[in-house]
């Protein structure tokens, strides 16, 4: 089980600051030793991915999951991760119970800021900004050893335009059919693209995801079979 949690975590740490990534791995191991099984389910997000997430519940179907546009989330700078607790069957458990609060307490002791305590309640969120404010990050200031990832300075948070469709980085098709029963990061991308609430973005392609994929395909005049092949993927990304 620990290998599963660490492998799942590792996939989400690409582009995350090395210190934050190391602390996230340590947290997974610490909690496993206490009998609480967690994994990192979200790490770095590009500006384009953030804008796509922001569009959910606004210009895309679904319930609003964020008030942050591209450049307005600490995730966009590789300094934040989100976690979730998993049961013995590797299914995510979103209940904010005593185990969840224990994870946050340990994370805070390790130096993370925890979204559980924020006015804008965000229980899965953990971040390390190294003393930098969001405004400083938007002005292109970076902590030591920051990874080289797609980050653009934001001159004006209020009026800065969102990236156009043409500016979005293309997410290459993974050269495999993604369908009911599939799991992993690619499924999470799909779940966000079809507008699932963030609490349902678990990387597991189940019946709800299948039905939403069919609705997406139908709306975009694709074959509505609930299977994400190359045409559906390229339409989404």
C-alpha atoms as a PDB file:
ATOM      1  CA  UNK A   1       0.000   0.000   0.000  1.00  0.00           C
ATOM      2  CA  UNK A   2       2.830   2.414   0.801  1.00  0.00           C
ATOM      3  CA  UNK A   3       4.329   1.833  -2.646  1.00  0.00           C
ATOM      4  CA  UNK A   4       0.971   2.691  -4.220  1.00  0.00           C
ATOM      5  CA  UNK A   5       0.710   5.921  -2.210  1.00  0.00           C
ATOM      6  CA  UNK A   6       4.288   6.959  -2.991  1.00  0.00           C
ATOM      7  CA  UNK A   7       3.953   6.126  -6.684  1.00  0.00           C
ATOM      8  CA  UNK A   8       0.722   8.079  -6.930  1.00  0.00           C
ATOM      9  CA  UNK A   9       2.364  10.962  -5.082  1.00  0.00           C
ATOM     10  CA  UNK A  10       5.445  10.964  -7.290  1.00  0.00           C
ATOM     11  CA  UNK A  11       3.396  11.471 -10.447  1.00  0.00           C
ATOM     12  CA  UNK A  12       2.062  14.737  -9.023  1.00  0.00           C
ATOM     13  CA  UNK A  13       5.430  16.159  -7.946  1.00  0.00           C
ATOM     14  CA  UNK A  14       6.731  17.008 -11.414  1.00  0.00           C
ATOM     15  CA  UNK A  15       7.424  20.752 -11.420  1.00  0.00           C
ATOM     16  CA  UNK A  16       7.111  21.058  -7.637  1.00  0.00           C
ATOM     17  CA  UNK A  17       9.921  22.811  -5.740  1.00  0.00           C
ATOM     18  CA  UNK A  18      12.385  20.110  -4.556  1.00  0.00           C
ATOM     19  CA  UNK A  19      12.040  21.060  -0.882  1.00  0.00           C
ATOM     20  CA  UNK A  20       8.242  20.989  -1.068  1.00  0.00           C
ATOM     21  CA  UNK A  21       8.370  17.675  -2.941  1.00  0.00           C
ATOM     22  CA  UNK A  22      10.735  16.145  -0.373  1.00  0.00           C
ATOM     23  CA  UNK A  23       8.507  17.282   2.497  1.00  0.00           C
ATOM     24  CA  UNK A  24       5.436  15.878   0.731  1.00  0.00           C
ATOM     25  CA  UNK A  25       7.080  12.467   0.382  1.00  0.00           C
ATOM     26  CA  UNK A  26       8.135  12.592   4.026  1.00  0.00           C
ATOM     27  CA  UNK A  27       4.583  13.443   5.056  1.00  0.00           C
ATOM     28  CA  UNK A  28       3.175  10.443   3.178  1.00  0.00           C
ATOM     29  CA  UNK A  29       5.629   8.143   4.983  1.00  0.00           C
ATOM     30  CA  UNK A  30       5.060   9.736   8.405  1.00  0.00           C
ATOM     31  CA  UNK A  31       1.314   9.357   8.145  1.00  0.00           C
ATOM     32  CA  UNK A  32       1.580   5.772   6.899  1.00  0.00           C
ATOM     33  CA  UNK A  33       3.628   4.969   9.991  1.00  0.00           C
ATOM     34  CA  UNK A  34       0.707   6.329  12.044  1.00  0.00           C
ATOM     35  CA  UNK A  35      -1.773   4.197  10.151  1.00  0.00           C
ATOM     36  CA  UNK A  36      -3.170   7.055   8.020  1.00  0.00           C
ATOM     37  CA  UNK A  37      -2.839   6.444   4.295  1.00  0.00           C
ATOM     38  CA  UNK A  38      -2.469   9.612   2.229  1.00  0.00           C
ATOM     39  CA  UNK A  39      -1.166  10.518  -1.202  1.00  0.00           C
ATOM     40  CA  UNK A  40      -0.517  13.769  -3.007  1.00  0.00           C
ATOM     41  CA  UNK A  41      -3.207  14.169  -5.675  1.00  0.00           C
ATOM     42  CA  UNK A  42      -2.253  17.579  -7.094  1.00  0.00           C
ATOM     43  CA  UNK A  43       0.993  19.485  -7.415  1.00  0.00           C
ATOM     44  CA  UNK A  44       2.128  21.998 -10.019  1.00  0.00           C
ATOM     45  CA  UNK A  45      -0.520  23.503 -12.310  1.00  0.00           C
ATOM     46  CA  UNK A  46       0.331  25.601 -15.342  1.00  0.00           C
ATOM     47  CA  UNK A  47      -1.429  28.918 -15.903  1.00  0.00           C
ATOM     48  CA  UNK A  48      -3.486  27.279 -18.661  1.00  0.00           C
ATOM     49  CA  UNK A  49      -4.563  24.419 -16.391  1.00  0.00           C
ATOM     50  CA  UNK A  50      -5.502  26.932 -13.706  1.00  0.00           C
ATOM     51  CA  UNK A  51      -7.587  28.926 -16.166  1.00  0.00           C
ATOM     52  CA  UNK A  52      -9.336  25.726 -17.266  1.00  0.00           C
ATOM     53  CA  UNK A  53     -10.128  24.957 -13.628  1.00  0.00           C
ATOM     54  CA  UNK A  54     -11.364  28.521 -13.086  1.00  0.00           C
ATOM     55  CA  UNK A  55     -13.688  28.154 -16.073  1.00  0.00           C
ATOM     56  CA  UNK A  56     -15.552  25.257 -14.435  1.00  0.00           C
ATOM     57  CA  UNK A  57     -18.888  26.575 -13.213  1.00  0.00           C
ATOM     58  CA  UNK A  58     -18.439  29.725 -15.269  1.00  0.00           C
ATOM     59  CA  UNK A  59     -17.864  29.093 -18.959  1.00  0.00           C
ATOM     60  CA  UNK A  60     -17.672  25.303 -18.523  1.00  0.00           C
ATOM     61  CA  UNK A  61     -20.301  23.000 -17.000  1.00  0.00           C
ATOM     62  CA  UNK A  62     -19.915  21.981 -13.373  1.00  0.00           C
ATOM     63  CA  UNK A  63     -19.672  23.484  -9.897  1.00  0.00           C
ATOM     64  CA  UNK A  64     -17.133  26.235  -9.196  1.00  0.00           C
ATOM     65  CA  UNK A  65     -13.992  24.767  -7.665  1.00  0.00           C
ATOM     66  CA  UNK A  66     -11.657  27.770  -7.492  1.00  0.00           C
ATOM     67  CA  UNK A  67     -11.673  31.561  -7.456  1.00  0.00           C
ATOM     68  CA  UNK A  68      -8.078  31.736  -8.713  1.00  0.00           C
ATOM     69  CA  UNK A  69      -7.206  32.413 -12.344  1.00  0.00           C
ATOM     70  CA  UNK A  70      -3.862  31.515 -13.898  1.00  0.00           C
ATOM     71  CA  UNK A  71      -1.100  33.128 -11.828  1.00  0.00           C
ATOM     72  CA  UNK A  72      -3.285  33.541  -8.747  1.00  0.00           C
ATOM     73  CA  UNK A  73      -2.698  30.109  -7.188  1.00  0.00           C
ATOM     74  CA  UNK A  74       0.398  28.973  -5.312  1.00  0.00           C
ATOM     75  CA  UNK A  75       0.081  25.737  -7.303  1.00  0.00           C
ATOM     76  CA  UNK A  76       1.091  27.746 -10.390  1.00  0.00           C
ATOM     77  CA  UNK A  77       4.542  28.300  -8.886  1.00  0.00           C
ATOM     78  CA  UNK A  78       5.266  24.739  -7.791  1.00  0.00           C
ATOM     79  CA  UNK A  79       4.981  25.578  -4.085  1.00  0.00           C
ATOM     80  CA  UNK A  80       1.725  23.837  -3.174  1.00  0.00           C
ATOM     81  CA  UNK A  81       0.291  20.321  -3.088  1.00  0.00           C
ATOM     82  CA  UNK A  82      -3.097  18.827  -2.297  1.00  0.00           C
ATOM     83  CA  UNK A  83      -3.497  15.548  -0.432  1.00  0.00           C
ATOM     84  CA  UNK A  84      -6.255  13.036   0.203  1.00  0.00           C
ATOM     85  CA  UNK A  85      -6.716  10.108   2.574  1.00  0.00           C
ATOM     86  CA  UNK A  86      -7.221   6.670   0.999  1.00  0.00           C
ATOM     87  CA  UNK A  87      -8.937   3.604   2.398  1.00  0.00           C
ATOM     88  CA  UNK A  88      -7.614   0.035   2.252  1.00  0.00           C
ATOM     89  CA  UNK A  89      -9.207  -0.386  -1.186  1.00  0.00           C
ATOM     90  CA  UNK A  90      -7.253   2.599  -2.548  1.00  0.00           C
ATOM     91  CA  UNK A  91     -10.391   4.724  -2.726  1.00  0.00           C
ATOM     92  CA  UNK A  92     -10.209   8.408  -1.739  1.00  0.00           C
ATOM     93  CA  UNK A  93     -11.916   9.449   1.501  1.00  0.00           C
ATOM     94  CA  UNK A  94     -12.833  13.150   1.600  1.00  0.00           C
ATOM     95  CA  UNK A  95     -14.304  13.307   5.102  1.00  0.00           C
ATOM     96  CA  UNK A  96     -12.461  15.913   7.182  1.00  0.00           C
ATOM     97  CA  UNK A  97     -12.268  13.842  10.356  1.00  0.00           C
ATOM     98  CA  UNK A  98      -9.722  13.428  13.147  1.00  0.00           C
ATOM     99  CA  UNK A  99      -7.305  11.608  10.801  1.00  0.00           C
ATOM    100  CA  UNK A 100      -7.515  14.461   8.289  1.00  0.00           C
ATOM    101  CA  UNK A 101      -6.859  16.995  11.034  1.00  0.00           C
ATOM    102  CA  UNK A 102      -3.937  14.905  12.260  1.00  0.00           C
ATOM    103  CA  UNK A 103      -2.374  15.003   8.779  1.00  0.00           C
ATOM    104  CA  UNK A 104      -2.736  18.781   8.731  1.00  0.00           C
ATOM    105  CA  UNK A 105      -1.213  19.085  12.205  1.00  0.00           C
ATOM    106  CA  UNK A 106       1.826  17.019  11.199  1.00  0.00           C
ATOM    107  CA  UNK A 107       2.168  18.935   7.927  1.00  0.00           C
ATOM    108  CA  UNK A 108       2.038  22.241   9.777  1.00  0.00           C
ATOM    109  CA  UNK A 109       4.753  21.035  12.164  1.00  0.00           C
ATOM    110  CA  UNK A 110       6.878  20.232   9.114  1.00  0.00           C
ATOM    111  CA  UNK A 111       6.595  23.800   7.847  1.00  0.00           C
ATOM    112  CA  UNK A 112       3.556  23.687   5.571  1.00  0.00           C
ATOM    113  CA  UNK A 113       0.816  26.303   5.643  1.00  0.00           C
ATOM    114  CA  UNK A 114      -2.491  24.440   5.765  1.00  0.00           C
ATOM    115  CA  UNK A 115      -5.675  25.389   3.953  1.00  0.00           C
ATOM    116  CA  UNK A 116      -7.708  23.802   6.734  1.00  0.00           C
ATOM    117  CA  UNK A 117      -7.227  26.948   8.822  1.00  0.00           C
ATOM    118  CA  UNK A 118      -7.929  29.471   6.087  1.00  0.00           C
ATOM    119  CA  UNK A 119     -10.951  31.699   5.961  1.00  0.00           C
ATOM    120  CA  UNK A 120     -11.351  30.339   2.427  1.00  0.00           C
ATOM    121  CA  UNK A 121     -11.571  26.745   3.673  1.00  0.00           C
ATOM    122  CA  UNK A 122      -9.373  24.421   1.585  1.00  0.00           C
ATOM    123  CA  UNK A 123      -8.700  21.233   3.624  1.00  0.00           C
ATOM    124  CA  UNK A 124      -6.549  19.339   1.057  1.00  0.00           C
ATOM    125  CA  UNK A 125      -4.195  22.277   0.441  1.00  0.00           C
ATOM    126  CA  UNK A 126      -0.614  22.454   1.760  1.00  0.00           C
ATOM    127  CA  UNK A 127       1.925  25.073   0.704  1.00  0.00           C
ATOM    128  CA  UNK A 128       5.398  26.446   1.383  1.00  0.00           C
ATOM    129  CA  UNK A 129       6.094  29.923   0.045  1.00  0.00           C
ATOM    130  CA  UNK A 130       9.497  30.460   1.707  1.00  0.00           C
ATOM    131  CA  UNK A 131       8.354  33.854   2.950  1.00  0.00           C
ATOM    132  CA  UNK A 132       7.321  35.075  -0.499  1.00  0.00           C
ATOM    133  CA  UNK A 133       3.919  36.634  -1.045  1.00  0.00           C
ATOM    134  CA  UNK A 134       1.719  35.868  -4.020  1.00  0.00           C
ATOM    135  CA  UNK A 135       2.461  39.359  -5.368  1.00  0.00           C
ATOM    136  CA  UNK A 136       6.194  38.653  -5.226  1.00  0.00           C
ATOM    137  CA  UNK A 137       5.730  35.341  -7.018  1.00  0.00           C
ATOM    138  CA  UNK A 138       3.652  37.086  -9.683  1.00  0.00           C
ATOM    139  CA  UNK A 139       6.521  39.561 -10.088  1.00  0.00           C
ATOM    140  CA  UNK A 140       8.803  36.591 -10.918  1.00  0.00           C
ATOM    141  CA  UNK A 141      10.597  36.347  -7.558  1.00  0.00           C
ATOM    142  CA  UNK A 142      11.445  32.751  -6.719  1.00  0.00           C
ATOM    143  CA  UNK A 143      12.753  30.833  -3.699  1.00  0.00           C
ATOM    144  CA  UNK A 144      16.150  29.110  -3.996  1.00  0.00           C
ATOM    145  CA  UNK A 145      16.265  25.979  -6.141  1.00  0.00           C
ATOM    146  CA  UNK A 146      12.915  26.651  -7.758  1.00  0.00           C
ATOM    147  CA  UNK A 147      12.329  24.267 -10.693  1.00  0.00           C
ATOM    148  CA  UNK A 148      12.189  25.684 -14.200  1.00  0.00           C
ATOM    149  CA  UNK A 149       8.540  25.413 -15.164  1.00  0.00           C
ATOM    150  CA  UNK A 150       6.104  27.431 -17.251  1.00  0.00           C
ATOM    151  CA  UNK A 151       5.583  30.583 -15.148  1.00  0.00           C
ATOM    152  CA  UNK A 152       4.806  34.064 -16.441  1.00  0.00           C
ATOM    153  CA  UNK A 153       4.926  37.280 -14.371  1.00  0.00           C
ATOM    154  CA  UNK A 154       1.498  38.784 -13.694  1.00  0.00           C
ATOM    155  CA  UNK A 155       1.662  42.579 -13.733  1.00  0.00           C
ATOM    156  CA  UNK A 156      -1.905  43.220 -12.634  1.00  0.00           C
ATOM    157  CA  UNK A 157      -3.872  40.538 -10.847  1.00  0.00           C
ATOM    158  CA  UNK A 158      -7.217  42.217 -11.441  1.00  0.00           C
ATOM    159  CA  UNK A 159      -6.902  43.087 -15.096  1.00  0.00           C
ATOM    160  CA  UNK A 160      -4.388  40.525 -16.366  1.00  0.00           C
ATOM    161  CA  UNK A 161      -6.089  38.688 -19.253  1.00  0.00           C
ATOM    162  CA  UNK A 162      -6.422  34.938 -19.263  1.00  0.00           C
ATOM    163  CA  UNK A 163      -4.265  33.034 -21.703  1.00  0.00           C
ATOM    164  CA  UNK A 164      -5.858  32.523 -25.082  1.00  0.00           C
ATOM    165  CA  UNK A 165      -6.583  29.022 -26.355  1.00  0.00           C
ATOM    166  CA  UNK A 166      -3.600  29.305 -28.685  1.00  0.00           C
ATOM    167  CA  UNK A 167      -1.282  30.086 -25.754  1.00  0.00           C
ATOM    168  CA  UNK A 168      -2.182  26.952 -23.840  1.00  0.00           C
ATOM    169  CA  UNK A 169       0.482  24.244 -23.775  1.00  0.00           C
ATOM    170  CA  UNK A 170      -0.671  21.164 -25.655  1.00  0.00           C
ATOM    171  CA  UNK A 171      -1.025  18.081 -23.491  1.00  0.00           C
ATOM    172  CA  UNK A 172       0.117  15.207 -25.727  1.00  0.00           C
ATOM    173  CA  UNK A 173      -2.251  12.310 -26.240  1.00  0.00           C
ATOM    174  CA  UNK A 174      -0.975   9.403 -24.097  1.00  0.00           C
ATOM    175  CA  UNK A 175      -1.411   6.932 -26.988  1.00  0.00           C
ATOM    176  CA  UNK A 176      -3.922   4.762 -25.180  1.00  0.00           C
ATOM    177  CA  UNK A 177      -7.682   4.611 -24.795  1.00  0.00           C
ATOM    178  CA  UNK A 178      -8.836   5.949 -21.427  1.00  0.00           C
ATOM    179  CA  UNK A 179     -12.131   4.464 -20.373  1.00  0.00           C
ATOM    180  CA  UNK A 180     -14.144   3.034 -17.490  1.00  0.00           C
ATOM    181  CA  UNK A 181     -11.736   1.248 -15.170  1.00  0.00           C
ATOM    182  CA  UNK A 182      -8.732   3.409 -16.048  1.00  0.00           C
ATOM    183  CA  UNK A 183      -6.867   5.201 -13.269  1.00  0.00           C
ATOM    184  CA  UNK A 184      -4.180   7.836 -12.932  1.00  0.00           C
ATOM    185  CA  UNK A 185      -3.231  11.435 -13.639  1.00  0.00           C
ATOM    186  CA  UNK A 186      -4.661  11.372 -17.162  1.00  0.00           C
ATOM    187  CA  UNK A 187      -8.068  10.468 -15.720  1.00  0.00           C
ATOM    188  CA  UNK A 188      -7.788  13.418 -13.304  1.00  0.00           C
ATOM    189  CA  UNK A 189      -7.101  15.736 -16.246  1.00  0.00           C
ATOM    190  CA  UNK A 190     -10.180  14.388 -17.998  1.00  0.00           C
ATOM    191  CA  UNK A 191     -12.331  14.741 -14.882  1.00  0.00           C
ATOM    192  CA  UNK A 192     -11.386  18.411 -14.594  1.00  0.00           C
ATOM    193  CA  UNK A 193     -11.924  18.983 -18.312  1.00  0.00           C
ATOM    194  CA  UNK A 194     -15.483  17.621 -18.107  1.00  0.00           C
ATOM    195  CA  UNK A 195     -16.274  19.763 -15.071  1.00  0.00           C
ATOM    196  CA  UNK A 196     -16.450  17.307 -12.186  1.00  0.00           C
ATOM    197  CA  UNK A 197     -16.371  18.966  -8.734  1.00  0.00           C
ATOM    198  CA  UNK A 198     -12.846  18.863  -7.320  1.00  0.00           C
ATOM    199  CA  UNK A 199     -13.886  16.466  -4.556  1.00  0.00           C
ATOM    200  CA  UNK A 200     -14.827  13.959  -7.287  1.00  0.00           C
ATOM    201  CA  UNK A 201     -11.504  14.336  -9.111  1.00  0.00           C
ATOM    202  CA  UNK A 202      -9.963  11.093  -7.853  1.00  0.00           C
ATOM    203  CA  UNK A 203      -8.205   9.703 -10.917  1.00  0.00           C
ATOM    204  CA  UNK A 204     -10.621   6.762 -11.130  1.00  0.00           C
ATOM    205  CA  UNK A 205     -12.697   6.458 -14.329  1.00  0.00           C
ATOM    206  CA  UNK A 206     -16.058   5.319 -12.984  1.00  0.00           C
ATOM    207  CA  UNK A 207     -19.667   5.534 -14.122  1.00  0.00           C
ATOM    208  CA  UNK A 208     -20.057   9.247 -13.339  1.00  0.00           C
ATOM    209  CA  UNK A 209     -16.936  10.121 -15.326  1.00  0.00           C
ATOM    210  CA  UNK A 210     -18.118   7.934 -18.197  1.00  0.00           C
ATOM    211  CA  UNK A 211     -21.510   9.666 -18.360  1.00  0.00           C
ATOM    212  CA  UNK A 212     -19.913  13.117 -18.255  1.00  0.00           C
ATOM    213  CA  UNK A 213     -17.470  12.143 -21.007  1.00  0.00           C
ATOM    214  CA  UNK A 214     -20.408  11.014 -23.147  1.00  0.00           C
ATOM    215  CA  UNK A 215     -22.148  14.347 -22.554  1.00  0.00           C
ATOM    216  CA  UNK A 216     -18.947  16.206 -23.454  1.00  0.00           C
ATOM    217  CA  UNK A 217     -18.541  14.171 -26.638  1.00  0.00           C
ATOM    218  CA  UNK A 218     -22.138  14.758 -27.632  1.00  0.00           C
ATOM    219  CA  UNK A 219     -21.806  18.503 -27.060  1.00  0.00           C
ATOM    220  CA  UNK A 220     -18.698  18.599 -29.250  1.00  0.00           C
ATOM    221  CA  UNK A 221     -20.200  16.436 -32.002  1.00  0.00           C
ATOM    222  CA  UNK A 222     -17.949  13.463 -31.295  1.00  0.00           C
ATOM    223  CA  UNK A 223     -18.912   9.788 -31.059  1.00  0.00           C
ATOM    224  CA  UNK A 224     -20.508   9.622 -27.604  1.00  0.00           C
ATOM    225  CA  UNK A 225     -19.082   6.295 -26.460  1.00  0.00           C
ATOM    226  CA  UNK A 226     -17.638   7.455 -23.121  1.00  0.00           C
ATOM    227  CA  UNK A 227     -14.129   6.458 -24.217  1.00  0.00           C
ATOM    228  CA  UNK A 228     -11.398   9.086 -24.443  1.00  0.00           C
ATOM    229  CA  UNK A 229      -9.446   8.385 -27.584  1.00  0.00           C
ATOM    230  CA  UNK A 230      -7.241  10.737 -29.592  1.00  0.00           C
ATOM    231  CA  UNK A 231     -10.064  12.909 -30.997  1.00  0.00           C
ATOM    232  CA  UNK A 232     -11.741  13.439 -27.628  1.00  0.00           C
ATOM    233  CA  UNK A 233      -8.400  14.054 -25.894  1.00  0.00           C
ATOM    234  CA  UNK A 234      -7.301  16.629 -28.473  1.00  0.00           C
ATOM    235  CA  UNK A 235     -10.647  18.413 -28.155  1.00  0.00           C
ATOM    236  CA  UNK A 236     -10.201  18.593 -24.374  1.00  0.00           C
ATOM    237  CA  UNK A 237      -6.539  19.592 -24.383  1.00  0.00           C
END
